[in-house]
Amino acid sequence: MSGKSHKWIDNILTDGETIEAIYNLNYEVYATNKRLLERSGRTIRDYDYSHISSISYSSKRYYWLLVLGVIIFIAGLWISNEMNTKEIAYGAFGVSLIFILIGIFHKPEWVELNVIGLNRLVKYTGNRESLDSLLHFVRQKHLTEPETSQVRGKDTGYIEIIKELAALRDKGILTQEEFEEKKKKILNESE
């Protein structure tokens, strides 16, 4: 990986781990052959593909802005007609046009990951193309991943996870408390 902006990632990649895709969403998201790495400022989180239980795409339209724009326009016309002045109609038209345009063109889109062990959804916002690409990438990883990794906590794979966490702790990315908490969680899941 070249460039100073991504140099930090070389310190946390494990042996044999390579970056396969980079997504500029509300976080910097790096998709490796083993996991997703999420960076926001100085905070780095990682999500192993075997711990992602579901991924979904959502979008939202603000229809209430369209209705509000129409109501403001009609109210402006009515008040303007009652008061016999056009300035109110022009003002109401301008305000209603803004609400209507926002209602038509503003459509937030996001992808949500359900990660085993987290009590919240991981939410990424961004442009449609990047979100679709991330969605497809994670789904492909689930299809090509060996079934044994789906039950990683049931075999000795949890030892590798703890080793990775220890390496992150040794590099200063995780605190001792975070390491102990994650280790305890992993060991409890493996029983």
N, C-alpha and C. Protein backbone atom coordinates (compact mmCIF):
# COMPACT_ATOMS: atom_id res chain seq x y z
N MET A 1 0.86 -1.17 0.00
CA MET A 1 0.00 0.00 0.00
C MET A 1 0.89 1.22 0.00
N SER A 2 0.80 2.07 -0.97
CA SER A 2 1.64 3.25 -1.02
C SER A 2 0.88 4.46 -0.53
N GLY A 3 1.65 5.48 -0.14
CA GLY A 3 1.03 6.72 0.31
C GLY A 3 0.97 6.81 1.81
N LYS A 4 1.21 8.00 2.31
CA LYS A 4 1.24 8.21 3.75
C LYS A 4 -0.13 8.04 4.39
N SER A 5 -1.20 8.34 3.67
CA SER A 5 -2.53 8.30 4.27
C SER A 5 -2.97 6.89 4.65
N HIS A 6 -2.37 5.86 4.05
CA HIS A 6 -2.76 4.49 4.34
C HIS A 6 -1.65 3.71 5.04
N LYS A 7 -0.59 4.40 5.44
CA LYS A 7 0.55 3.72 6.06
C LYS A 7 0.16 3.03 7.36
N TRP A 8 -0.77 3.60 8.09
CA TRP A 8 -1.20 3.03 9.37
C TRP A 8 -1.73 1.62 9.22
N ILE A 9 -2.30 1.33 8.07
CA ILE A 9 -2.95 0.03 7.90
C ILE A 9 -1.94 -1.11 7.84
N ASP A 10 -0.73 -0.82 7.35
CA ASP A 10 0.30 -1.86 7.30
C ASP A 10 0.62 -2.39 8.70
N ASN A 11 0.44 -1.57 9.71
CA ASN A 11 0.73 -1.98 11.08
C ASN A 11 -0.31 -2.93 11.67
N ILE A 12 -1.49 -2.97 11.09
CA ILE A 12 -2.53 -3.83 11.68
C ILE A 12 -2.93 -5.01 10.80
N LEU A 13 -2.40 -5.07 9.59
CA LEU A 13 -2.70 -6.23 8.75
C LEU A 13 -1.96 -7.45 9.29
N THR A 14 -2.63 -8.58 9.29
CA THR A 14 -2.01 -9.82 9.75
C THR A 14 -1.29 -10.49 8.60
N ASP A 15 -0.53 -11.54 8.89
CA ASP A 15 0.19 -12.27 7.85
C ASP A 15 -0.81 -12.82 6.83
N GLY A 16 -0.51 -12.58 5.57
CA GLY A 16 -1.37 -13.07 4.51
C GLY A 16 -2.61 -12.24 4.25
N GLU A 17 -2.77 -11.16 4.99
CA GLU A 17 -3.95 -10.31 4.81
C GLU A 17 -3.64 -9.20 3.81
N THR A 18 -4.52 -9.03 2.84
CA THR A 18 -4.33 -8.00 1.82
C THR A 18 -5.60 -7.17 1.67
N ILE A 19 -5.40 -5.93 1.28
CA ILE A 19 -6.55 -5.04 1.03
C ILE A 19 -7.09 -5.34 -0.35
N GLU A 20 -8.39 -5.60 -0.43
CA GLU A 20 -9.03 -5.90 -1.70
C GLU A 20 -9.88 -4.75 -2.22
N ALA A 21 -10.34 -3.87 -1.32
CA ALA A 21 -11.16 -2.73 -1.74
C ALA A 21 -11.13 -1.66 -0.66
N ILE A 22 -11.29 -0.41 -1.10
CA ILE A 22 -11.35 0.73 -0.19
C ILE A 22 -12.63 1.50 -0.51
N TYR A 23 -13.40 1.83 0.53
CA TYR A 23 -14.65 2.56 0.36
C TYR A 23 -14.60 3.84 1.17
N ASN A 24 -14.86 4.96 0.53
CA ASN A 24 -14.93 6.24 1.22
C ASN A 24 -16.39 6.55 1.52
N LEU A 25 -16.81 6.13 2.70
CA LEU A 25 -18.18 6.33 3.14
C LEU A 25 -18.14 7.32 4.29
N ASN A 26 -19.06 7.22 5.24
CA ASN A 26 -18.98 8.10 6.40
C ASN A 26 -17.76 7.76 7.25
N TYR A 27 -17.16 6.60 7.02
CA TYR A 27 -15.88 6.20 7.57
C TYR A 27 -15.01 5.74 6.42
N GLU A 28 -13.69 5.68 6.64
CA GLU A 28 -12.83 5.00 5.67
C GLU A 28 -13.01 3.52 5.95
N VAL A 29 -13.41 2.75 4.94
CA VAL A 29 -13.64 1.32 5.12
C VAL A 29 -12.71 0.57 4.18
N TYR A 30 -11.91 -0.31 4.77
CA TYR A 30 -10.97 -1.13 4.01
C TYR A 30 -11.45 -2.57 4.08
N ALA A 31 -11.67 -3.17 2.93
CA ALA A 31 -12.10 -4.56 2.87
C ALA A 31 -10.87 -5.40 2.55
N THR A 32 -10.49 -6.25 3.47
CA THR A 32 -9.36 -7.14 3.24
C THR A 32 -9.90 -8.52 2.89
N ASN A 33 -9.00 -9.44 2.66
CA ASN A 33 -9.43 -10.81 2.38
C ASN A 33 -9.94 -11.52 3.64
N LYS A 34 -9.76 -10.89 4.84
CA LYS A 34 -10.18 -11.52 6.08
C LYS A 34 -11.25 -10.76 6.86
N ARG A 35 -11.29 -9.43 6.70
CA ARG A 35 -12.18 -8.63 7.55
C ARG A 35 -12.40 -7.24 6.95
N LEU A 36 -13.35 -6.52 7.54
CA LEU A 36 -13.55 -5.11 7.23
C LEU A 36 -12.85 -4.29 8.30
N LEU A 37 -12.11 -3.28 7.88
CA LEU A 37 -11.47 -2.34 8.81
C LEU A 37 -12.15 -1.00 8.62
N GLU A 38 -12.55 -0.39 9.70
CA GLU A 38 -13.25 0.89 9.67
C GLU A 38 -12.41 1.90 10.44
N ARG A 39 -12.15 3.03 9.80
CA ARG A 39 -11.35 4.06 10.46
C ARG A 39 -12.11 5.38 10.47
N SER A 40 -12.17 5.97 11.65
CA SER A 40 -12.77 7.29 11.83
C SER A 40 -11.84 8.07 12.75
N GLY A 41 -11.10 9.00 12.18
CA GLY A 41 -10.12 9.74 12.97
C GLY A 41 -9.04 8.80 13.47
N ARG A 42 -8.89 8.72 14.78
CA ARG A 42 -7.87 7.84 15.37
C ARG A 42 -8.45 6.50 15.83
N THR A 43 -9.74 6.29 15.58
CA THR A 43 -10.41 5.06 16.00
C THR A 43 -10.45 4.07 14.85
N ILE A 44 -10.05 2.84 15.15
CA ILE A 44 -10.08 1.78 14.15
C ILE A 44 -10.88 0.62 14.72
N ARG A 45 -11.84 0.13 13.93
CA ARG A 45 -12.63 -1.04 14.33
C ARG A 45 -12.49 -2.08 13.22
N ASP A 46 -12.57 -3.34 13.60
CA ASP A 46 -12.55 -4.37 12.58
C ASP A 46 -13.67 -5.37 12.81
N TYR A 47 -14.17 -5.90 11.70
CA TYR A 47 -15.27 -6.85 11.74
C TYR A 47 -14.91 -8.03 10.85
N ASP A 48 -14.67 -9.16 11.47
CA ASP A 48 -14.37 -10.38 10.74
C ASP A 48 -15.62 -10.78 9.94
N TYR A 49 -15.42 -11.22 8.71
CA TYR A 49 -16.56 -11.58 7.87
C TYR A 49 -17.43 -12.67 8.50
N SER A 50 -16.79 -13.58 9.25
CA SER A 50 -17.56 -14.66 9.86
C SER A 50 -18.45 -14.15 10.99
N HIS A 51 -18.19 -12.94 11.49
CA HIS A 51 -19.01 -12.36 12.56
C HIS A 51 -20.11 -11.45 12.03
N ILE A 52 -20.14 -11.23 10.73
CA ILE A 52 -21.20 -10.42 10.13
C ILE A 52 -22.35 -11.37 9.81
N SER A 53 -23.43 -11.26 10.58
CA SER A 53 -24.54 -12.20 10.41
C SER A 53 -25.50 -11.77 9.31
N SER A 54 -25.59 -10.45 9.04
CA SER A 54 -26.45 -9.98 7.96
C SER A 54 -25.99 -8.60 7.51
N ILE A 55 -26.37 -8.28 6.28
CA ILE A 55 -26.06 -6.97 5.72
C ILE A 55 -27.27 -6.55 4.90
N SER A 56 -27.66 -5.27 5.02
CA SER A 56 -28.84 -4.81 4.29
C SER A 56 -28.63 -3.39 3.78
N TYR A 57 -29.33 -3.10 2.69
CA TYR A 57 -29.30 -1.76 2.09
C TYR A 57 -30.64 -1.09 2.36
N SER A 58 -30.61 0.19 2.70
CA SER A 58 -31.85 0.93 2.94
C SER A 58 -31.73 2.34 2.37
N SER A 59 -32.87 2.91 2.07
CA SER A 59 -32.92 4.32 1.66
C SER A 59 -34.21 4.92 2.19
N LYS A 60 -34.26 6.24 2.17
CA LYS A 60 -35.43 6.92 2.74
C LYS A 60 -35.76 8.14 1.89
N ARG A 61 -37.01 8.34 1.66
CA ARG A 61 -37.51 9.55 1.00
C ARG A 61 -38.24 10.39 2.02
N TYR A 62 -38.13 11.69 1.88
CA TYR A 62 -38.80 12.62 2.79
C TYR A 62 -40.04 13.20 2.12
N TYR A 63 -41.09 12.39 2.04
CA TYR A 63 -42.34 12.82 1.41
C TYR A 63 -43.01 13.95 2.18
N TRP A 64 -42.80 14.00 3.47
CA TRP A 64 -43.42 15.06 4.26
C TRP A 64 -42.91 16.44 3.84
N LEU A 65 -41.68 16.51 3.29
CA LEU A 65 -41.19 17.79 2.79
C LEU A 65 -41.97 18.24 1.55
N LEU A 66 -42.34 17.27 0.71
CA LEU A 66 -43.16 17.60 -0.46
C LEU A 66 -44.51 18.16 -0.03
N VAL A 67 -45.13 17.48 0.93
CA VAL A 67 -46.44 17.92 1.43
C VAL A 67 -46.32 19.29 2.07
N LEU A 68 -45.29 19.49 2.88
CA LEU A 68 -45.08 20.78 3.53
C LEU A 68 -44.88 21.89 2.50
N GLY A 69 -44.12 21.59 1.45
CA GLY A 69 -43.91 22.58 0.39
C GLY A 69 -45.21 22.98 -0.28
N VAL A 70 -46.05 22.01 -0.57
CA VAL A 70 -47.35 22.30 -1.20
C VAL A 70 -48.23 23.10 -0.25
N ILE A 71 -48.25 22.75 1.04
CA ILE A 71 -49.07 23.48 2.02
C ILE A 71 -48.60 24.93 2.13
N ILE A 72 -47.30 25.13 2.19
CA ILE A 72 -46.77 26.51 2.28
C ILE A 72 -47.14 27.31 1.04
N PHE A 73 -47.05 26.67 -0.12
CA PHE A 73 -47.39 27.36 -1.37
C PHE A 73 -48.87 27.76 -1.37
N ILE A 74 -49.74 26.84 -1.02
CA ILE A 74 -51.19 27.13 -1.01
C ILE A 74 -51.51 28.19 0.04
N ALA A 75 -50.91 28.07 1.24
CA ALA A 75 -51.15 29.06 2.29
C ALA A 75 -50.66 30.44 1.86
N GLY A 76 -49.51 30.48 1.19
CA GLY A 76 -48.99 31.75 0.70
C GLY A 76 -49.91 32.39 -0.33
N LEU A 77 -50.44 31.58 -1.24
CA LEU A 77 -51.38 32.10 -2.24
C LEU A 77 -52.65 32.62 -1.57
N TRP A 78 -53.16 31.87 -0.61
CA TRP A 78 -54.39 32.26 0.07
C TRP A 78 -54.19 33.56 0.85
N ILE A 79 -53.10 33.65 1.63
CA ILE A 79 -52.82 34.87 2.41
C ILE A 79 -52.58 36.04 1.47
N SER A 80 -51.85 35.80 0.39
CA SER A 80 -51.57 36.86 -0.58
C SER A 80 -52.86 37.37 -1.22
N ASN A 81 -53.76 36.47 -1.51
CA ASN A 81 -55.04 36.83 -2.11
C ASN A 81 -55.90 37.62 -1.12
N GLU A 82 -55.89 37.20 0.15
CA GLU A 82 -56.67 37.88 1.18
C GLU A 82 -56.13 39.28 1.47
N MET A 83 -54.80 39.41 1.46
CA MET A 83 -54.18 40.70 1.80
C MET A 83 -53.92 41.55 0.56
N ASN A 84 -54.20 40.98 -0.61
CA ASN A 84 -54.03 41.69 -1.86
C ASN A 84 -52.58 42.16 -2.07
N THR A 85 -51.63 41.26 -1.81
CA THR A 85 -50.21 41.57 -2.03
C THR A 85 -49.52 40.35 -2.65
N LYS A 86 -48.62 40.60 -3.57
CA LYS A 86 -47.94 39.51 -4.26
C LYS A 86 -46.63 39.10 -3.57
N GLU A 87 -46.08 39.97 -2.71
CA GLU A 87 -44.80 39.67 -2.06
C GLU A 87 -44.89 38.39 -1.23
N ILE A 88 -45.99 38.21 -0.54
CA ILE A 88 -46.17 37.00 0.28
C ILE A 88 -46.22 35.76 -0.61
N ALA A 89 -46.88 35.88 -1.75
CA ALA A 89 -46.96 34.75 -2.68
C ALA A 89 -45.57 34.39 -3.20
N TYR A 90 -44.75 35.41 -3.53
CA TYR A 90 -43.39 35.14 -4.02
C TYR A 90 -42.54 34.48 -2.93
N GLY A 91 -42.65 34.98 -1.71
CA GLY A 91 -41.90 34.39 -0.60
C GLY A 91 -42.32 32.96 -0.33
N ALA A 92 -43.63 32.73 -0.32
CA ALA A 92 -44.15 31.38 -0.09
C ALA A 92 -43.73 30.44 -1.21
N PHE A 93 -43.73 30.95 -2.45
CA PHE A 93 -43.31 30.13 -3.58
C PHE A 93 -41.84 29.73 -3.42
N GLY A 94 -40.99 30.68 -3.04
CA GLY A 94 -39.56 30.38 -2.86
C GLY A 94 -39.32 29.34 -1.78
N VAL A 95 -39.97 29.53 -0.63
CA VAL A 95 -39.80 28.58 0.48
C VAL A 95 -40.36 27.21 0.10
N SER A 96 -41.53 27.18 -0.52
CA SER A 96 -42.13 25.90 -0.88
C SER A 96 -41.29 25.18 -1.94
N LEU A 97 -40.71 25.94 -2.86
CA LEU A 97 -39.86 25.33 -3.88
C LEU A 97 -38.65 24.65 -3.24
N ILE A 98 -38.06 25.29 -2.24
CA ILE A 98 -36.91 24.69 -1.54
C ILE A 98 -37.32 23.37 -0.88
N PHE A 99 -38.44 23.36 -0.17
CA PHE A 99 -38.90 22.13 0.49
C PHE A 99 -39.20 21.03 -0.53
N ILE A 100 -39.83 21.40 -1.62
CA ILE A 100 -40.18 20.40 -2.65
C ILE A 100 -38.93 19.82 -3.28
N LEU A 101 -37.95 20.66 -3.61
CA LEU A 101 -36.71 20.17 -4.22
C LEU A 101 -35.94 19.26 -3.27
N ILE A 102 -35.88 19.65 -2.01
CA ILE A 102 -35.20 18.78 -1.03
C ILE A 102 -35.94 17.45 -0.92
N GLY A 103 -37.26 17.49 -0.88
CA GLY A 103 -38.06 16.26 -0.81
C GLY A 103 -37.86 15.35 -2.00
N ILE A 104 -37.64 15.93 -3.18
CA ILE A 104 -37.45 15.14 -4.39
C ILE A 104 -36.03 14.57 -4.47
N PHE A 105 -35.03 15.41 -4.23
CA PHE A 105 -33.66 15.02 -4.51
C PHE A 105 -32.87 14.48 -3.32
N HIS A 106 -33.28 14.75 -2.10
CA HIS A 106 -32.54 14.26 -0.94
C HIS A 106 -33.04 12.87 -0.58
N LYS A 107 -32.20 11.88 -0.82
CA LYS A 107 -32.57 10.49 -0.55
C LYS A 107 -31.38 9.81 0.13
N PRO A 108 -31.32 9.89 1.47
CA PRO A 108 -30.21 9.23 2.15
C PRO A 108 -30.25 7.71 1.94
N GLU A 109 -29.07 7.13 1.76
CA GLU A 109 -28.95 5.69 1.55
C GLU A 109 -27.88 5.17 2.51
N TRP A 110 -28.06 3.95 2.97
CA TRP A 110 -27.08 3.38 3.88
C TRP A 110 -27.10 1.86 3.82
N VAL A 111 -26.00 1.30 4.33
CA VAL A 111 -25.86 -0.15 4.48
C VAL A 111 -25.69 -0.41 5.97
N GLU A 112 -26.39 -1.42 6.47
CA GLU A 112 -26.28 -1.79 7.88
C GLU A 112 -25.75 -3.22 8.00
N LEU A 113 -24.78 -3.38 8.88
CA LEU A 113 -24.21 -4.70 9.18
C LEU A 113 -24.67 -5.12 10.57
N ASN A 114 -25.10 -6.34 10.69
CA ASN A 114 -25.39 -6.91 12.00
C ASN A 114 -24.18 -7.77 12.35
N VAL A 115 -23.41 -7.33 13.34
CA VAL A 115 -22.18 -8.02 13.71
C VAL A 115 -22.41 -8.76 15.03
N ILE A 116 -22.08 -10.04 15.03
CA ILE A 116 -22.23 -10.85 16.23
C ILE A 116 -21.35 -10.27 17.34
N GLY A 117 -21.93 -10.10 18.52
CA GLY A 117 -21.18 -9.56 19.65
C GLY A 117 -21.36 -8.07 19.86
N LEU A 118 -21.92 -7.37 18.87
CA LEU A 118 -22.21 -5.95 19.03
C LEU A 118 -23.69 -5.78 19.33
N ASN A 119 -24.00 -4.86 20.22
CA ASN A 119 -25.41 -4.63 20.54
C ASN A 119 -26.00 -3.49 19.72
N ARG A 120 -25.32 -3.11 18.66
CA ARG A 120 -25.81 -2.07 17.75
C ARG A 120 -25.49 -2.48 16.32
N LEU A 121 -26.20 -1.89 15.38
CA LEU A 121 -25.91 -2.12 13.97
C LEU A 121 -24.77 -1.21 13.55
N VAL A 122 -23.94 -1.68 12.65
CA VAL A 122 -22.89 -0.86 12.06
C VAL A 122 -23.49 -0.24 10.81
N LYS A 123 -23.50 1.08 10.75
CA LYS A 123 -24.18 1.78 9.66
C LYS A 123 -23.18 2.60 8.85
N TYR A 124 -23.19 2.38 7.53
CA TYR A 124 -22.35 3.15 6.61
C TYR A 124 -23.25 3.94 5.67
N THR A 125 -22.99 5.23 5.55
CA THR A 125 -23.72 6.07 4.60
C THR A 125 -22.76 6.52 3.52
N GLY A 126 -23.30 6.77 2.35
CA GLY A 126 -22.46 7.22 1.24
C GLY A 126 -23.25 7.20 -0.05
N ASN A 127 -22.51 7.26 -1.16
CA ASN A 127 -23.20 7.25 -2.45
C ASN A 127 -23.62 5.83 -2.82
N ARG A 128 -24.60 5.75 -3.67
CA ARG A 128 -25.22 4.46 -4.03
C ARG A 128 -24.21 3.47 -4.59
N GLU A 129 -23.32 3.93 -5.44
CA GLU A 129 -22.34 3.05 -6.08
C GLU A 129 -21.42 2.39 -5.04
N SER A 130 -20.90 3.18 -4.11
CA SER A 130 -20.01 2.64 -3.07
C SER A 130 -20.75 1.68 -2.16
N LEU A 131 -21.98 2.03 -1.79
CA LEU A 131 -22.77 1.17 -0.92
C LEU A 131 -23.09 -0.16 -1.59
N ASP A 132 -23.47 -0.11 -2.87
CA ASP A 132 -23.75 -1.34 -3.62
C ASP A 132 -22.51 -2.22 -3.71
N SER A 133 -21.37 -1.58 -3.95
CA SER A 133 -20.12 -2.32 -4.06
C SER A 133 -19.77 -3.00 -2.74
N LEU A 134 -19.91 -2.28 -1.63
CA LEU A 134 -19.64 -2.87 -0.31
C LEU A 134 -20.60 -4.02 -0.03
N LEU A 135 -21.87 -3.82 -0.30
CA LEU A 135 -22.89 -4.85 -0.10
C LEU A 135 -22.54 -6.12 -0.88
N HIS A 136 -22.21 -5.95 -2.15
CA HIS A 136 -21.85 -7.08 -3.00
C HIS A 136 -20.58 -7.77 -2.48
N PHE A 137 -19.59 -6.98 -2.09
CA PHE A 137 -18.32 -7.52 -1.62
C PHE A 137 -18.52 -8.40 -0.38
N VAL A 138 -19.25 -7.90 0.61
CA VAL A 138 -19.47 -8.66 1.84
C VAL A 138 -20.29 -9.92 1.56
N ARG A 139 -21.29 -9.81 0.71
CA ARG A 139 -22.09 -11.00 0.37
C ARG A 139 -21.24 -12.05 -0.34
N GLN A 140 -20.33 -11.61 -1.22
CA GLN A 140 -19.42 -12.55 -1.90
C GLN A 140 -18.52 -13.25 -0.89
N LYS A 141 -18.04 -12.51 0.10
CA LYS A 141 -17.19 -13.12 1.14
C LYS A 141 -17.96 -14.19 1.89
N HIS A 142 -19.24 -13.96 2.14
CA HIS A 142 -20.05 -14.97 2.83
C HIS A 142 -20.25 -16.20 1.96
N LEU A 143 -20.36 -16.01 0.66
CA LEU A 143 -20.57 -17.15 -0.24
C LEU A 143 -19.30 -17.98 -0.41
N THR A 144 -18.15 -17.32 -0.46
CA THR A 144 -16.89 -18.02 -0.72
C THR A 144 -16.19 -18.49 0.54
N GLU A 145 -16.64 -18.04 1.69
CA GLU A 145 -16.00 -18.39 2.95
C GLU A 145 -16.28 -19.84 3.30
N PRO A 146 -15.25 -20.57 3.73
CA PRO A 146 -15.51 -21.96 4.13
C PRO A 146 -16.47 -22.02 5.31
N GLU A 147 -17.30 -23.04 5.33
CA GLU A 147 -18.32 -23.15 6.38
C GLU A 147 -17.71 -23.29 7.77
N THR A 148 -16.48 -23.77 7.86
CA THR A 148 -15.87 -23.92 9.18
C THR A 148 -15.66 -22.59 9.86
N SER A 149 -15.48 -21.53 9.10
CA SER A 149 -15.26 -20.23 9.73
C SER A 149 -16.56 -19.66 10.30
N GLN A 150 -17.70 -20.19 9.88
CA GLN A 150 -18.96 -19.72 10.43
C GLN A 150 -19.13 -20.14 11.89
N VAL A 151 -18.45 -21.20 12.27
CA VAL A 151 -18.51 -21.66 13.66
C VAL A 151 -17.12 -21.54 14.28
N ARG A 152 -16.46 -20.47 14.01
CA ARG A 152 -15.08 -20.25 14.42
C ARG A 152 -14.89 -20.41 15.92
N GLY A 153 -15.85 -19.95 16.71
CA GLY A 153 -15.73 -20.05 18.16
C GLY A 153 -15.81 -21.48 18.65
N LYS A 154 -16.31 -22.40 17.86
CA LYS A 154 -16.46 -23.78 18.28
C LYS A 154 -15.19 -24.59 18.08
N ASP A 155 -14.26 -24.11 17.27
CA ASP A 155 -13.01 -24.82 17.07
C ASP A 155 -11.87 -24.01 17.68
N THR A 156 -10.67 -24.28 17.26
CA THR A 156 -9.51 -23.58 17.84
C THR A 156 -9.24 -22.26 17.15
N GLY A 157 -10.10 -21.81 16.26
CA GLY A 157 -9.91 -20.54 15.57
C GLY A 157 -9.92 -19.35 16.51
N TYR A 158 -10.54 -19.52 17.67
CA TYR A 158 -10.59 -18.40 18.62
C TYR A 158 -9.20 -18.04 19.13
N ILE A 159 -8.28 -18.99 19.12
CA ILE A 159 -6.90 -18.70 19.54
C ILE A 159 -6.27 -17.70 18.60
N GLU A 160 -6.52 -17.87 17.31
CA GLU A 160 -5.98 -16.92 16.32
C GLU A 160 -6.55 -15.52 16.52
N ILE A 161 -7.83 -15.46 16.85
CA ILE A 161 -8.46 -14.16 17.08
C ILE A 161 -7.81 -13.48 18.28
N ILE A 162 -7.57 -14.24 19.34
CA ILE A 162 -6.94 -13.66 20.53
C ILE A 162 -5.53 -13.20 20.21
N LYS A 163 -4.81 -13.96 19.37
CA LYS A 163 -3.46 -13.54 18.96
C LYS A 163 -3.51 -12.23 18.19
N GLU A 164 -4.50 -12.10 17.30
CA GLU A 164 -4.65 -10.85 16.54
C GLU A 164 -4.95 -9.69 17.48
N LEU A 165 -5.82 -9.92 18.46
CA LEU A 165 -6.14 -8.87 19.43
C LEU A 165 -4.91 -8.49 20.25
N ALA A 166 -4.10 -9.49 20.62
CA ALA A 166 -2.88 -9.21 21.39
C ALA A 166 -1.92 -8.36 20.56
N ALA A 167 -1.84 -8.65 19.26
CA ALA A 167 -0.97 -7.85 18.39
C ALA A 167 -1.47 -6.41 18.32
N LEU A 168 -2.78 -6.23 18.24
CA LEU A 168 -3.35 -4.88 18.22
C LEU A 168 -3.09 -4.16 19.54
N ARG A 169 -3.17 -4.91 20.64
CA ARG A 169 -2.87 -4.32 21.95
C ARG A 169 -1.40 -3.90 22.03
N ASP A 170 -0.51 -4.77 21.55
CA ASP A 170 0.92 -4.49 21.60
C ASP A 170 1.30 -3.29 20.74
N LYS A 171 0.53 -3.06 19.69
CA LYS A 171 0.80 -1.90 18.81
C LYS A 171 0.13 -0.64 19.32
N GLY A 172 -0.62 -0.74 20.42
CA GLY A 172 -1.26 0.43 21.01
C GLY A 172 -2.61 0.77 20.42
N ILE A 173 -3.14 -0.09 19.55
CA ILE A 173 -4.43 0.18 18.93
C ILE A 173 -5.56 -0.14 19.91
N LEU A 174 -5.38 -1.20 20.70
CA LEU A 174 -6.34 -1.55 21.75
C LEU A 174 -5.70 -1.30 23.11
N THR A 175 -6.50 -0.89 24.07
CA THR A 175 -6.00 -0.77 25.44
C THR A 175 -6.02 -2.15 26.08
N GLN A 176 -5.35 -2.28 27.21
CA GLN A 176 -5.34 -3.56 27.93
C GLN A 176 -6.76 -3.95 28.34
N GLU A 177 -7.56 -2.96 28.75
CA GLU A 177 -8.93 -3.24 29.18
C GLU A 177 -9.77 -3.74 28.01
N GLU A 178 -9.62 -3.09 26.83
CA GLU A 178 -10.37 -3.52 25.65
C GLU A 178 -9.96 -4.94 25.26
N PHE A 179 -8.65 -5.21 25.33
CA PHE A 179 -8.15 -6.55 25.00
C PHE A 179 -8.76 -7.60 25.91
N GLU A 180 -8.73 -7.34 27.22
CA GLU A 180 -9.27 -8.30 28.20
C GLU A 180 -10.76 -8.52 27.98
N GLU A 181 -11.49 -7.45 27.70
CA GLU A 181 -12.93 -7.55 27.48
C GLU A 181 -13.24 -8.40 26.25
N LYS A 182 -12.53 -8.14 25.14
CA LYS A 182 -12.76 -8.90 23.91
C LYS A 182 -12.34 -10.36 24.08
N LYS A 183 -11.22 -10.57 24.77
CA LYS A 183 -10.74 -11.93 25.01
C LYS A 183 -11.76 -12.72 25.82
N LYS A 184 -12.29 -12.10 26.86
CA LYS A 184 -13.28 -12.76 27.71
C LYS A 184 -14.53 -13.12 26.90
N LYS A 185 -14.96 -12.18 26.04
CA LYS A 185 -16.14 -12.41 25.20
C LYS A 185 -15.90 -13.60 24.26
N ILE A 186 -14.71 -13.66 23.66
CA ILE A 186 -14.39 -14.73 22.72
C ILE A 186 -14.33 -16.08 23.44
N LEU A 187 -13.69 -16.09 24.60
CA LEU A 187 -13.59 -17.34 25.35
C LEU A 187 -14.96 -17.83 25.82
N ASN A 188 -15.83 -16.92 26.19
CA ASN A 188 -17.19 -17.30 26.60
C ASN A 188 -17.98 -17.88 25.44
N GLU A 189 -17.77 -17.31 24.22
CA GLU A 189 -18.47 -17.81 23.04
C GLU A 189 -17.97 -19.18 22.62
N SER A 190 -16.70 -19.49 22.93
CA SER A 190 -16.12 -20.75 22.47
C SER A 190 -16.51 -21.93 23.36
N GLU A 191 -17.11 -21.66 24.50
CA GLU A 191 -17.48 -22.76 25.42
C GLU A 191 -18.74 -23.45 24.97
